[in-house]
Amino acid sequence: MLTTTGKMTYAEFLNFDDGTDYLYELENGELVQMASESELNRRIKSFLFAYFLRVGISPLRLSMASEVAVISGTVGVRVPDLLIFSEELTEVMQGSNRSLITLDMPPPMLVVEVVSPNQEKRDYRYKRSEYAARAIPEYWIIDPMAQRITILEWIEGMYEERVFQGEDTIISPQLGTLSLTAKELLTAGMK
């Protein structure tokens, strides 16, 4: 995973192109190359994307690898594993030449992060604070190692959390009760 040694501004990040297809986040002024994903994390994302399609969420509102501008000391950029755009954001993003949700745009309705090994602090602490600063209504932390799904709901300026494990049916503040258990999602639907 590449991390730059010098600081980079948000404007420099927006113009950065190293000629590769690598994804990068801007974290406190540092360019951080996204690590390769485990097969389980890839399956969880794909399973959840397909599930959201099956329950009727428009493909126009679903996104993998969209960038989200956040504030953490300085303006940074995160690349969540999966997002659901609000209807308002979907309209704003139409015709964009880059899937970047800037600070002046409405936030996504829901952001999903699948925790990778040794990245727990980033998902549970740093990204939680950054997504809260954006007032993102719902943030899922899917943790295959801890075998739990933490769903954070934005209420009166703070995230309130609810944890789902095993046979718990997942309840989404934005989507309601899903016909999906924590175990089904954490094993990516494998039986």
N, C-alpha and C. Protein backbone atom coordinates (compact mmCIF):
# COMPACT_ATOMS: atom_id res chain seq x y z
N MET A 1 0.86 -1.18 0.00
CA MET A 1 0.00 0.00 0.00
C MET A 1 0.90 1.23 0.00
N LEU A 2 0.75 2.09 -0.98
CA LEU A 2 1.54 3.30 -1.12
C LEU A 2 0.97 4.42 -0.26
N THR A 3 1.86 5.09 0.46
CA THR A 3 1.49 6.30 1.19
C THR A 3 2.54 7.34 0.83
N THR A 4 2.12 8.54 0.49
CA THR A 4 3.07 9.58 0.13
C THR A 4 3.75 10.10 1.38
N THR A 5 4.94 10.66 1.19
CA THR A 5 5.67 11.23 2.32
C THR A 5 5.34 12.70 2.51
N GLY A 6 5.02 13.41 1.44
CA GLY A 6 4.67 14.82 1.55
C GLY A 6 3.18 15.00 1.65
N LYS A 7 2.77 16.17 2.10
CA LYS A 7 1.35 16.48 2.21
C LYS A 7 0.81 16.87 0.84
N MET A 8 -0.46 16.54 0.61
CA MET A 8 -1.13 16.85 -0.65
C MET A 8 -2.41 17.61 -0.30
N THR A 9 -2.71 18.62 -1.06
CA THR A 9 -3.95 19.35 -0.82
C THR A 9 -5.10 18.63 -1.53
N TYR A 10 -6.30 19.01 -1.16
CA TYR A 10 -7.50 18.46 -1.80
C TYR A 10 -7.47 18.78 -3.29
N ALA A 11 -7.10 20.01 -3.66
CA ALA A 11 -7.04 20.42 -5.07
C ALA A 11 -6.01 19.57 -5.82
N GLU A 12 -4.87 19.31 -5.19
CA GLU A 12 -3.85 18.46 -5.83
C GLU A 12 -4.37 17.04 -6.01
N PHE A 13 -5.10 16.55 -5.01
CA PHE A 13 -5.68 15.21 -5.11
C PHE A 13 -6.64 15.13 -6.29
N LEU A 14 -7.47 16.16 -6.45
CA LEU A 14 -8.45 16.14 -7.53
C LEU A 14 -7.78 16.08 -8.90
N ASN A 15 -6.57 16.59 -9.00
CA ASN A 15 -5.83 16.60 -10.28
C ASN A 15 -4.81 15.47 -10.37
N PHE A 16 -4.68 14.65 -9.34
CA PHE A 16 -3.68 13.59 -9.31
C PHE A 16 -4.05 12.46 -10.26
N ASP A 17 -3.08 12.01 -11.04
CA ASP A 17 -3.25 10.86 -11.93
C ASP A 17 -1.88 10.23 -12.10
N ASP A 18 -1.73 9.02 -11.56
CA ASP A 18 -0.44 8.35 -11.70
C ASP A 18 -0.41 7.39 -12.89
N GLY A 19 -1.46 7.44 -13.72
CA GLY A 19 -1.49 6.63 -14.92
C GLY A 19 -1.88 5.17 -14.66
N THR A 20 -2.29 4.86 -13.44
CA THR A 20 -2.72 3.49 -13.11
C THR A 20 -4.22 3.49 -12.81
N ASP A 21 -4.72 2.30 -12.55
CA ASP A 21 -6.12 2.16 -12.15
C ASP A 21 -6.27 2.01 -10.64
N TYR A 22 -5.20 2.27 -9.88
CA TYR A 22 -5.28 2.17 -8.43
C TYR A 22 -6.24 3.20 -7.87
N LEU A 23 -6.90 2.83 -6.79
CA LEU A 23 -7.76 3.76 -6.06
C LEU A 23 -6.96 4.34 -4.89
N TYR A 24 -7.17 5.62 -4.63
CA TYR A 24 -6.47 6.29 -3.54
C TYR A 24 -7.46 7.03 -2.66
N GLU A 25 -7.12 7.13 -1.38
CA GLU A 25 -7.83 8.00 -0.47
C GLU A 25 -6.88 9.11 -0.07
N LEU A 26 -7.43 10.24 0.29
CA LEU A 26 -6.64 11.36 0.82
C LEU A 26 -6.95 11.43 2.30
N GLU A 27 -5.95 11.11 3.13
CA GLU A 27 -6.14 11.01 4.57
C GLU A 27 -5.19 11.98 5.27
N ASN A 28 -5.77 13.06 5.82
CA ASN A 28 -4.98 14.08 6.51
C ASN A 28 -3.82 14.58 5.65
N GLY A 29 -4.10 14.80 4.38
CA GLY A 29 -3.10 15.34 3.47
C GLY A 29 -2.17 14.30 2.87
N GLU A 30 -2.35 13.03 3.20
CA GLU A 30 -1.49 11.98 2.66
C GLU A 30 -2.27 11.13 1.67
N LEU A 31 -1.63 10.85 0.55
CA LEU A 31 -2.21 10.00 -0.48
C LEU A 31 -1.99 8.55 -0.05
N VAL A 32 -3.08 7.79 0.10
CA VAL A 32 -2.99 6.41 0.56
C VAL A 32 -3.61 5.50 -0.49
N GLN A 33 -2.78 4.60 -1.05
CA GLN A 33 -3.27 3.64 -2.04
C GLN A 33 -4.11 2.59 -1.32
N MET A 34 -5.26 2.29 -1.88
CA MET A 34 -6.15 1.30 -1.29
C MET A 34 -5.51 -0.09 -1.40
N ALA A 35 -5.57 -0.82 -0.31
CA ALA A 35 -5.00 -2.17 -0.26
C ALA A 35 -5.84 -3.13 -1.10
N SER A 36 -5.22 -4.21 -1.52
CA SER A 36 -5.96 -5.26 -2.23
C SER A 36 -6.97 -5.88 -1.27
N GLU A 37 -8.09 -6.29 -1.82
CA GLU A 37 -9.15 -6.85 -1.00
C GLU A 37 -9.01 -8.36 -0.87
N SER A 38 -9.50 -8.88 0.25
CA SER A 38 -9.58 -10.33 0.40
C SER A 38 -10.76 -10.82 -0.44
N GLU A 39 -10.75 -12.08 -0.75
CA GLU A 39 -11.84 -12.66 -1.52
C GLU A 39 -13.15 -12.58 -0.74
N LEU A 40 -13.10 -12.80 0.58
CA LEU A 40 -14.31 -12.70 1.39
C LEU A 40 -14.89 -11.29 1.35
N ASN A 41 -14.06 -10.27 1.49
CA ASN A 41 -14.54 -8.89 1.44
C ASN A 41 -15.18 -8.58 0.08
N ARG A 42 -14.58 -9.05 -0.99
CA ARG A 42 -15.13 -8.84 -2.33
C ARG A 42 -16.49 -9.51 -2.45
N ARG A 43 -16.61 -10.75 -1.92
CA ARG A 43 -17.88 -11.47 -1.99
C ARG A 43 -18.96 -10.78 -1.17
N ILE A 44 -18.59 -10.27 0.01
CA ILE A 44 -19.57 -9.58 0.86
C ILE A 44 -20.11 -8.35 0.13
N LYS A 45 -19.21 -7.56 -0.46
CA LYS A 45 -19.66 -6.36 -1.21
C LYS A 45 -20.57 -6.74 -2.36
N SER A 46 -20.17 -7.74 -3.13
CA SER A 46 -20.96 -8.15 -4.29
C SER A 46 -22.31 -8.70 -3.87
N PHE A 47 -22.33 -9.51 -2.81
CA PHE A 47 -23.57 -10.07 -2.29
C PHE A 47 -24.52 -8.95 -1.86
N LEU A 48 -23.99 -7.97 -1.12
CA LEU A 48 -24.83 -6.88 -0.63
C LEU A 48 -25.35 -6.01 -1.78
N PHE A 49 -24.50 -5.75 -2.77
CA PHE A 49 -24.91 -4.99 -3.95
C PHE A 49 -26.09 -5.71 -4.64
N ALA A 50 -25.94 -7.02 -4.85
CA ALA A 50 -27.00 -7.81 -5.51
C ALA A 50 -28.26 -7.83 -4.63
N TYR A 51 -28.09 -7.92 -3.33
CA TYR A 51 -29.24 -7.93 -2.42
C TYR A 51 -30.01 -6.61 -2.54
N PHE A 52 -29.28 -5.50 -2.52
CA PHE A 52 -29.94 -4.19 -2.63
C PHE A 52 -30.70 -4.07 -3.96
N LEU A 53 -30.14 -4.61 -5.03
CA LEU A 53 -30.86 -4.61 -6.31
C LEU A 53 -32.15 -5.43 -6.20
N ARG A 54 -32.06 -6.62 -5.57
CA ARG A 54 -33.23 -7.50 -5.43
C ARG A 54 -34.35 -6.86 -4.62
N VAL A 55 -34.00 -6.02 -3.64
CA VAL A 55 -35.06 -5.40 -2.82
C VAL A 55 -35.57 -4.11 -3.45
N GLY A 56 -35.11 -3.81 -4.67
CA GLY A 56 -35.70 -2.71 -5.42
C GLY A 56 -34.96 -1.38 -5.41
N ILE A 57 -33.74 -1.37 -4.92
CA ILE A 57 -32.97 -0.12 -4.98
C ILE A 57 -32.44 0.03 -6.40
N SER A 58 -32.69 1.16 -7.00
CA SER A 58 -32.29 1.41 -8.38
C SER A 58 -30.78 1.32 -8.54
N PRO A 59 -30.32 0.70 -9.63
CA PRO A 59 -28.88 0.66 -9.88
C PRO A 59 -28.27 2.06 -10.01
N LEU A 60 -29.10 3.06 -10.34
CA LEU A 60 -28.60 4.43 -10.43
C LEU A 60 -28.20 4.98 -9.06
N ARG A 61 -28.76 4.38 -8.01
CA ARG A 61 -28.48 4.86 -6.65
C ARG A 61 -27.40 4.04 -5.95
N LEU A 62 -26.96 2.93 -6.53
CA LEU A 62 -25.94 2.08 -5.93
C LEU A 62 -24.58 2.36 -6.55
N SER A 63 -23.56 2.36 -5.72
CA SER A 63 -22.23 2.62 -6.26
C SER A 63 -21.16 1.91 -5.44
N MET A 64 -20.20 1.37 -6.16
CA MET A 64 -18.97 0.86 -5.55
C MET A 64 -17.85 1.78 -6.03
N ALA A 65 -16.96 2.09 -5.16
CA ALA A 65 -15.76 2.87 -5.48
C ALA A 65 -16.02 4.33 -5.81
N SER A 66 -17.12 4.89 -5.36
CA SER A 66 -17.30 6.34 -5.47
C SER A 66 -16.47 7.01 -4.39
N GLU A 67 -15.99 8.19 -4.68
CA GLU A 67 -15.20 8.95 -3.72
C GLU A 67 -16.12 9.88 -2.94
N VAL A 68 -15.83 10.05 -1.65
CA VAL A 68 -16.62 10.93 -0.79
C VAL A 68 -15.66 11.90 -0.10
N ALA A 69 -15.82 13.19 -0.36
CA ALA A 69 -15.02 14.21 0.33
C ALA A 69 -15.47 14.26 1.79
N VAL A 70 -14.49 14.28 2.70
CA VAL A 70 -14.76 14.32 4.14
C VAL A 70 -13.87 15.37 4.78
N ILE A 71 -14.19 15.71 6.01
CA ILE A 71 -13.35 16.66 6.74
C ILE A 71 -12.79 15.97 7.97
N SER A 72 -11.46 15.99 8.07
CA SER A 72 -10.76 15.41 9.22
C SER A 72 -9.52 16.25 9.42
N GLY A 73 -9.68 17.41 10.01
CA GLY A 73 -8.56 18.35 10.10
C GLY A 73 -8.45 19.13 8.81
N THR A 74 -8.25 18.41 7.72
CA THR A 74 -8.25 19.01 6.38
C THR A 74 -9.28 18.25 5.55
N VAL A 75 -9.54 18.73 4.36
CA VAL A 75 -10.46 18.01 3.48
C VAL A 75 -9.74 16.77 2.96
N GLY A 76 -10.40 15.65 3.08
CA GLY A 76 -9.85 14.39 2.60
C GLY A 76 -10.86 13.70 1.71
N VAL A 77 -10.51 12.52 1.25
CA VAL A 77 -11.39 11.75 0.38
C VAL A 77 -11.34 10.29 0.81
N ARG A 78 -12.51 9.70 0.97
CA ARG A 78 -12.63 8.28 1.29
C ARG A 78 -13.29 7.57 0.11
N VAL A 79 -13.02 6.28 0.00
CA VAL A 79 -13.63 5.45 -1.05
C VAL A 79 -14.32 4.28 -0.35
N PRO A 80 -15.58 4.47 0.06
CA PRO A 80 -16.31 3.40 0.73
C PRO A 80 -16.50 2.19 -0.18
N ASP A 81 -16.72 1.04 0.43
CA ASP A 81 -16.92 -0.18 -0.35
C ASP A 81 -18.22 -0.15 -1.15
N LEU A 82 -19.26 0.45 -0.57
CA LEU A 82 -20.55 0.49 -1.22
C LEU A 82 -21.31 1.70 -0.70
N LEU A 83 -22.06 2.35 -1.57
CA LEU A 83 -22.88 3.50 -1.18
C LEU A 83 -24.26 3.37 -1.78
N ILE A 84 -25.23 3.96 -1.08
CA ILE A 84 -26.54 4.18 -1.67
C ILE A 84 -26.73 5.69 -1.70
N PHE A 85 -26.91 6.23 -2.90
CA PHE A 85 -27.15 7.66 -3.06
C PHE A 85 -28.58 7.98 -2.65
N SER A 86 -28.79 9.16 -2.09
CA SER A 86 -30.14 9.67 -1.91
C SER A 86 -30.67 10.02 -3.31
N GLU A 87 -31.97 10.21 -3.42
CA GLU A 87 -32.53 10.59 -4.72
C GLU A 87 -31.95 11.94 -5.15
N GLU A 88 -31.81 12.86 -4.21
CA GLU A 88 -31.25 14.18 -4.51
C GLU A 88 -29.81 14.07 -5.01
N LEU A 89 -29.01 13.24 -4.35
CA LEU A 89 -27.62 13.05 -4.78
C LEU A 89 -27.56 12.38 -6.15
N THR A 90 -28.46 11.44 -6.40
CA THR A 90 -28.49 10.77 -7.70
C THR A 90 -28.68 11.79 -8.82
N GLU A 91 -29.57 12.74 -8.61
CA GLU A 91 -29.80 13.80 -9.61
C GLU A 91 -28.55 14.66 -9.78
N VAL A 92 -27.91 15.02 -8.69
CA VAL A 92 -26.72 15.88 -8.74
C VAL A 92 -25.57 15.16 -9.48
N MET A 93 -25.46 13.84 -9.28
CA MET A 93 -24.34 13.08 -9.86
C MET A 93 -24.52 12.78 -11.35
N GLN A 94 -25.75 12.87 -11.87
CA GLN A 94 -25.96 12.58 -13.29
C GLN A 94 -25.10 13.49 -14.14
N GLY A 95 -24.41 12.90 -15.08
CA GLY A 95 -23.58 13.67 -15.99
C GLY A 95 -22.19 13.99 -15.45
N SER A 96 -21.90 13.61 -14.20
CA SER A 96 -20.56 13.87 -13.65
C SER A 96 -19.54 13.02 -14.39
N ASN A 97 -18.36 13.59 -14.60
CA ASN A 97 -17.31 12.83 -15.27
C ASN A 97 -16.42 12.10 -14.26
N ARG A 98 -16.69 12.29 -12.97
CA ARG A 98 -15.96 11.60 -11.91
C ARG A 98 -16.96 11.31 -10.79
N SER A 99 -16.92 10.10 -10.25
CA SER A 99 -17.85 9.73 -9.19
C SER A 99 -17.29 10.20 -7.84
N LEU A 100 -17.31 11.52 -7.67
CA LEU A 100 -16.80 12.18 -6.47
C LEU A 100 -17.92 13.01 -5.85
N ILE A 101 -18.23 12.70 -4.60
CA ILE A 101 -19.26 13.45 -3.87
C ILE A 101 -18.52 14.54 -3.09
N THR A 102 -18.61 15.76 -3.58
CA THR A 102 -17.90 16.88 -2.97
C THR A 102 -18.66 17.40 -1.75
N LEU A 103 -18.01 18.28 -0.99
CA LEU A 103 -18.59 18.80 0.24
C LEU A 103 -19.85 19.62 0.02
N ASP A 104 -19.99 20.20 -1.18
CA ASP A 104 -21.17 21.02 -1.45
C ASP A 104 -22.36 20.20 -1.98
N MET A 105 -22.19 18.88 -2.10
CA MET A 105 -23.26 17.99 -2.55
C MET A 105 -23.96 17.36 -1.35
N PRO A 106 -25.20 16.90 -1.55
CA PRO A 106 -25.86 16.16 -0.47
C PRO A 106 -25.05 14.90 -0.15
N PRO A 107 -25.07 14.45 1.10
CA PRO A 107 -24.32 13.22 1.42
C PRO A 107 -25.05 11.99 0.89
N PRO A 108 -24.33 10.88 0.75
CA PRO A 108 -25.01 9.64 0.40
C PRO A 108 -25.98 9.25 1.52
N MET A 109 -26.97 8.46 1.19
CA MET A 109 -27.96 8.01 2.17
C MET A 109 -27.36 6.96 3.11
N LEU A 110 -26.50 6.10 2.54
CA LEU A 110 -25.93 4.99 3.30
C LEU A 110 -24.54 4.69 2.78
N VAL A 111 -23.60 4.47 3.69
CA VAL A 111 -22.23 4.12 3.34
C VAL A 111 -21.90 2.78 4.01
N VAL A 112 -21.24 1.89 3.27
CA VAL A 112 -20.85 0.58 3.79
C VAL A 112 -19.34 0.44 3.69
N GLU A 113 -18.72 0.02 4.79
CA GLU A 113 -17.30 -0.33 4.81
C GLU A 113 -17.19 -1.77 5.28
N VAL A 114 -16.43 -2.59 4.56
CA VAL A 114 -16.12 -3.96 4.98
C VAL A 114 -14.71 -3.91 5.55
N VAL A 115 -14.58 -4.26 6.81
CA VAL A 115 -13.30 -4.14 7.52
C VAL A 115 -12.30 -5.14 6.97
N SER A 116 -11.11 -4.63 6.67
CA SER A 116 -9.99 -5.47 6.25
C SER A 116 -9.07 -5.70 7.45
N PRO A 117 -8.30 -6.80 7.43
CA PRO A 117 -7.37 -7.04 8.54
C PRO A 117 -6.45 -5.83 8.75
N ASN A 118 -6.21 -5.50 10.00
CA ASN A 118 -5.33 -4.40 10.42
C ASN A 118 -5.86 -3.02 10.03
N GLN A 119 -7.13 -2.92 9.65
CA GLN A 119 -7.72 -1.64 9.27
C GLN A 119 -8.88 -1.25 10.19
N GLU A 120 -9.00 -1.94 11.32
CA GLU A 120 -10.14 -1.72 12.20
C GLU A 120 -10.25 -0.27 12.66
N LYS A 121 -9.13 0.36 13.04
CA LYS A 121 -9.17 1.75 13.52
C LYS A 121 -9.72 2.69 12.45
N ARG A 122 -9.34 2.45 11.21
CA ARG A 122 -9.80 3.33 10.13
C ARG A 122 -11.31 3.29 10.01
N ASP A 123 -11.90 2.09 10.07
CA ASP A 123 -13.34 1.96 9.86
C ASP A 123 -14.16 2.31 11.10
N TYR A 124 -13.70 1.86 12.27
CA TYR A 124 -14.47 2.08 13.50
C TYR A 124 -14.27 3.48 14.08
N ARG A 125 -13.13 4.07 13.87
CA ARG A 125 -12.85 5.35 14.53
C ARG A 125 -12.77 6.51 13.55
N TYR A 126 -11.79 6.47 12.64
CA TYR A 126 -11.53 7.62 11.77
C TYR A 126 -12.67 7.87 10.79
N LYS A 127 -13.07 6.83 10.07
CA LYS A 127 -14.14 7.01 9.09
C LYS A 127 -15.46 7.33 9.78
N ARG A 128 -15.68 6.75 10.96
CA ARG A 128 -16.90 7.07 11.72
C ARG A 128 -16.98 8.57 11.98
N SER A 129 -15.89 9.16 12.42
CA SER A 129 -15.86 10.61 12.68
C SER A 129 -16.05 11.42 11.40
N GLU A 130 -15.39 10.98 10.34
CA GLU A 130 -15.47 11.71 9.08
C GLU A 130 -16.87 11.63 8.46
N TYR A 131 -17.49 10.46 8.50
CA TYR A 131 -18.83 10.32 7.96
C TYR A 131 -19.85 11.06 8.83
N ALA A 132 -19.60 11.10 10.13
CA ALA A 132 -20.47 11.87 11.03
C ALA A 132 -20.39 13.35 10.69
N ALA A 133 -19.18 13.85 10.41
CA ALA A 133 -19.02 15.27 10.06
C ALA A 133 -19.77 15.61 8.78
N ARG A 134 -19.98 14.62 7.91
CA ARG A 134 -20.77 14.81 6.68
C ARG A 134 -22.26 14.60 6.91
N ALA A 135 -22.64 14.19 8.12
CA ALA A 135 -24.04 13.89 8.46
C ALA A 135 -24.64 12.83 7.55
N ILE A 136 -23.85 11.80 7.26
CA ILE A 136 -24.35 10.68 6.46
C ILE A 136 -25.35 9.91 7.33
N PRO A 137 -26.60 9.77 6.87
CA PRO A 137 -27.65 9.22 7.72
C PRO A 137 -27.39 7.81 8.27
N GLU A 138 -26.67 6.98 7.51
CA GLU A 138 -26.46 5.60 7.96
C GLU A 138 -25.10 5.10 7.48
N TYR A 139 -24.38 4.46 8.39
CA TYR A 139 -23.04 3.93 8.12
C TYR A 139 -22.96 2.51 8.64
N TRP A 140 -22.68 1.55 7.75
CA TRP A 140 -22.53 0.15 8.12
C TRP A 140 -21.05 -0.19 8.20
N ILE A 141 -20.67 -0.88 9.26
CA ILE A 141 -19.32 -1.44 9.39
C ILE A 141 -19.50 -2.96 9.43
N ILE A 142 -19.13 -3.61 8.35
CA ILE A 142 -19.25 -5.07 8.26
C ILE A 142 -17.88 -5.64 8.60
N ASP A 143 -17.82 -6.40 9.68
CA ASP A 143 -16.54 -6.89 10.20
C ASP A 143 -16.52 -8.41 10.18
N PRO A 144 -15.97 -9.02 9.11
CA PRO A 144 -15.94 -10.47 9.01
C PRO A 144 -15.06 -11.13 10.09
N MET A 145 -14.03 -10.42 10.55
CA MET A 145 -13.13 -11.00 11.56
C MET A 145 -13.83 -11.08 12.92
N ALA A 146 -14.54 -10.03 13.30
CA ALA A 146 -15.26 -10.00 14.58
C ALA A 146 -16.65 -10.64 14.46
N GLN A 147 -17.04 -11.00 13.23
CA GLN A 147 -18.34 -11.62 12.97
C GLN A 147 -19.50 -10.76 13.47
N ARG A 148 -19.45 -9.46 13.10
CA ARG A 148 -20.54 -8.56 13.49
C ARG A 148 -20.71 -7.46 12.46
N ILE A 149 -21.92 -6.92 12.47
CA ILE A 149 -22.25 -5.78 11.62
C ILE A 149 -22.72 -4.67 12.55
N THR A 150 -22.04 -3.54 12.47
CA THR A 150 -22.42 -2.39 13.28
C THR A 150 -23.11 -1.40 12.35
N ILE A 151 -24.33 -1.03 12.69
CA ILE A 151 -25.06 -0.05 11.89
C ILE A 151 -25.20 1.20 12.73
N LEU A 152 -24.69 2.30 12.18
CA LEU A 152 -24.71 3.58 12.86
C LEU A 152 -25.76 4.47 12.21
N GLU A 153 -26.62 5.04 13.05
CA GLU A 153 -27.68 5.93 12.56
C GLU A 153 -27.41 7.34 13.07
N TRP A 154 -27.46 8.31 12.16
CA TRP A 154 -27.23 9.72 12.48
C TRP A 154 -28.48 10.28 13.16
N ILE A 155 -28.37 10.59 14.45
CA ILE A 155 -29.50 11.14 15.21
C ILE A 155 -29.01 12.35 16.00
N GLU A 156 -29.59 13.50 15.72
CA GLU A 156 -29.32 14.73 16.46
C GLU A 156 -27.82 15.01 16.64
N GLY A 157 -27.09 14.90 15.55
CA GLY A 157 -25.68 15.28 15.56
C GLY A 157 -24.70 14.22 16.00
N MET A 158 -25.18 13.00 16.23
CA MET A 158 -24.28 11.91 16.65
C MET A 158 -24.74 10.59 16.03
N TYR A 159 -23.79 9.66 15.95
CA TYR A 159 -24.16 8.31 15.52
C TYR A 159 -24.56 7.48 16.73
N GLU A 160 -25.70 6.80 16.61
CA GLU A 160 -26.10 5.79 17.58
C GLU A 160 -25.92 4.45 16.90
N GLU A 161 -25.37 3.49 17.63
CA GLU A 161 -25.04 2.22 16.98
C GLU A 161 -25.88 1.07 17.48
N ARG A 162 -26.02 0.11 16.58
CA ARG A 162 -26.69 -1.14 16.88
C ARG A 162 -25.86 -2.24 16.24
N VAL A 163 -25.61 -3.31 16.98
CA VAL A 163 -24.75 -4.40 16.51
C VAL A 163 -25.62 -5.62 16.21
N PHE A 164 -25.31 -6.26 15.08
CA PHE A 164 -26.01 -7.47 14.64
C PHE A 164 -25.00 -8.60 14.50
N GLN A 165 -25.36 -9.78 15.03
CA GLN A 165 -24.49 -10.95 14.95
C GLN A 165 -25.34 -12.19 14.71
N GLY A 166 -24.70 -13.24 14.21
CA GLY A 166 -25.35 -14.53 14.06
C GLY A 166 -26.66 -14.46 13.31
N GLU A 167 -27.71 -14.96 13.95
CA GLU A 167 -29.02 -15.03 13.31
C GLU A 167 -29.86 -13.76 13.46
N ASP A 168 -29.26 -12.67 13.99
CA ASP A 168 -29.98 -11.39 14.09
C ASP A 168 -30.39 -10.93 12.69
N THR A 169 -31.64 -10.56 12.54
CA THR A 169 -32.11 -9.97 11.29
C THR A 169 -31.66 -8.53 11.26
N ILE A 170 -31.05 -8.13 10.16
CA ILE A 170 -30.51 -6.78 10.03
C ILE A 170 -31.66 -5.78 9.88
N ILE A 171 -31.59 -4.73 10.68
CA ILE A 171 -32.57 -3.65 10.60
C ILE A 171 -31.83 -2.38 10.23
N SER A 172 -32.23 -1.81 9.12
CA SER A 172 -31.61 -0.59 8.61
C SER A 172 -32.53 0.59 8.89
N PRO A 173 -32.01 1.64 9.54
CA PRO A 173 -32.85 2.82 9.78
C PRO A 173 -33.41 3.43 8.48
N GLN A 174 -32.65 3.36 7.41
CA GLN A 174 -33.07 3.95 6.14
C GLN A 174 -33.92 3.00 5.30
N LEU A 175 -33.68 1.69 5.43
CA LEU A 175 -34.33 0.71 4.55
C LEU A 175 -35.34 -0.17 5.27
N GLY A 176 -35.37 -0.14 6.59
CA GLY A 176 -36.29 -0.98 7.37
C GLY A 176 -35.70 -2.34 7.66
N THR A 177 -36.57 -3.26 8.06
CA THR A 177 -36.14 -4.62 8.38
C THR A 177 -35.87 -5.36 7.08
N LEU A 178 -34.70 -5.95 7.00
CA LEU A 178 -34.30 -6.67 5.79
C LEU A 178 -34.53 -8.16 6.00
N SER A 179 -34.74 -8.88 4.95
CA SER A 179 -34.87 -10.33 5.06
C SER A 179 -33.47 -10.94 4.89
N LEU A 180 -32.58 -10.51 5.80
CA LEU A 180 -31.17 -10.87 5.73
C LEU A 180 -30.63 -10.90 7.15
N THR A 181 -29.94 -12.00 7.49
CA THR A 181 -29.34 -12.08 8.82
C THR A 181 -27.88 -11.66 8.75
N ALA A 182 -27.32 -11.35 9.91
CA ALA A 182 -25.90 -11.00 9.97
C ALA A 182 -25.06 -12.15 9.43
N LYS A 183 -25.39 -13.38 9.82
CA LYS A 183 -24.63 -14.55 9.37
C LYS A 183 -24.66 -14.68 7.85
N GLU A 184 -25.83 -14.49 7.24
CA GLU A 184 -25.94 -14.60 5.78
C GLU A 184 -25.03 -13.58 5.09
N LEU A 185 -25.01 -12.35 5.61
CA LEU A 185 -24.17 -11.32 5.00
C LEU A 185 -22.70 -11.59 5.24
N LEU A 186 -22.35 -11.96 6.46
CA LEU A 186 -20.94 -12.18 6.80
C LEU A 186 -20.34 -13.38 6.09
N THR A 187 -21.18 -14.30 5.66
CA THR A 187 -20.69 -15.44 4.88
C THR A 187 -21.00 -15.27 3.40
N ALA A 188 -21.48 -14.08 3.05
CA ALA A 188 -21.80 -13.72 1.66
C ALA A 188 -22.77 -14.70 1.03
N GLY A 189 -23.76 -15.11 1.83
CA GLY A 189 -24.83 -15.95 1.29
C GLY A 189 -24.46 -17.41 1.08
N MET A 190 -23.23 -17.80 1.43
CA MET A 190 -22.81 -19.21 1.24
C MET A 190 -23.53 -20.06 2.27
N LYS A 191 -23.99 -21.19 1.85
CA LYS A 191 -24.70 -22.10 2.79
C LYS A 191 -23.90 -23.33 3.01
